[in-house]
Amino acid sequence: MNVHGIDHVLTFNTADFKRYPGITVLDLSEVPAKPAEPQKES
């Protein structure tokens, strides 16, 4: 992953990526969902 410049991973399976140094692992279940934007009237 480092070869390709990947330094952050967003995943449900954080345990698989903890062994890689230099990779920041983000748990998808901890990322807040963005609320839907209101529809614009035409």
Protein backbone atom coordinates (compact mmCIF):
# COMPACT_ATOMS: atom_id res chain seq x y z
CA MET A 1 0.00 0.00 0.00
CA ASN A 2 2.85 2.36 0.74
CA VAL A 3 4.18 1.82 -2.77
CA HIS A 4 0.93 3.23 -4.14
CA GLY A 5 0.82 6.14 -1.68
CA ILE A 6 -2.04 4.74 0.40
CA ASP A 7 -1.66 5.86 4.00
CA HIS A 8 -5.31 5.73 5.18
CA VAL A 9 -7.78 2.84 4.98
CA LEU A 10 -11.52 2.99 5.75
CA THR A 11 -12.80 -0.48 6.63
CA PHE A 12 -15.08 -2.52 8.88
CA ASN A 13 -12.17 -4.93 9.51
CA THR A 14 -9.54 -2.82 11.29
CA ALA A 15 -7.73 -5.82 12.79
CA ASP A 16 -6.36 -6.92 9.39
CA PHE A 17 -4.63 -3.59 8.81
CA LYS A 18 -3.10 -2.92 12.25
CA ARG A 19 0.00 -4.92 11.30
CA TYR A 20 0.99 -2.42 8.61
CA PRO A 21 3.16 0.42 9.91
CA GLY A 22 2.46 3.84 8.50
CA ILE A 23 -1.17 3.03 7.65
CA THR A 24 -3.92 4.91 9.49
CA VAL A 25 -6.94 2.63 9.86
CA LEU A 26 -10.40 4.15 10.25
CA ASP A 27 -13.37 2.05 11.34
CA LEU A 28 -16.31 2.68 9.04
CA SER A 29 -18.78 2.08 11.86
CA GLU A 30 -17.29 5.05 13.75
CA VAL A 31 -17.59 7.54 10.88
CA PRO A 32 -20.75 9.64 11.18
CA ALA A 33 -23.10 9.58 8.22
CA LYS A 34 -23.58 12.85 6.37
CA PRO A 35 -27.21 13.96 6.56
CA ALA A 36 -29.07 14.14 3.25
CA GLU A 37 -29.17 17.62 1.73
CA PRO A 38 -32.63 19.09 1.12
CA GLN A 39 -33.94 18.95 -2.44
CA LYS A 40 -33.75 22.26 -4.28
CA GLU A 41 -36.94 23.42 -5.95
CA SER A 42 -36.74 24.19 -9.68
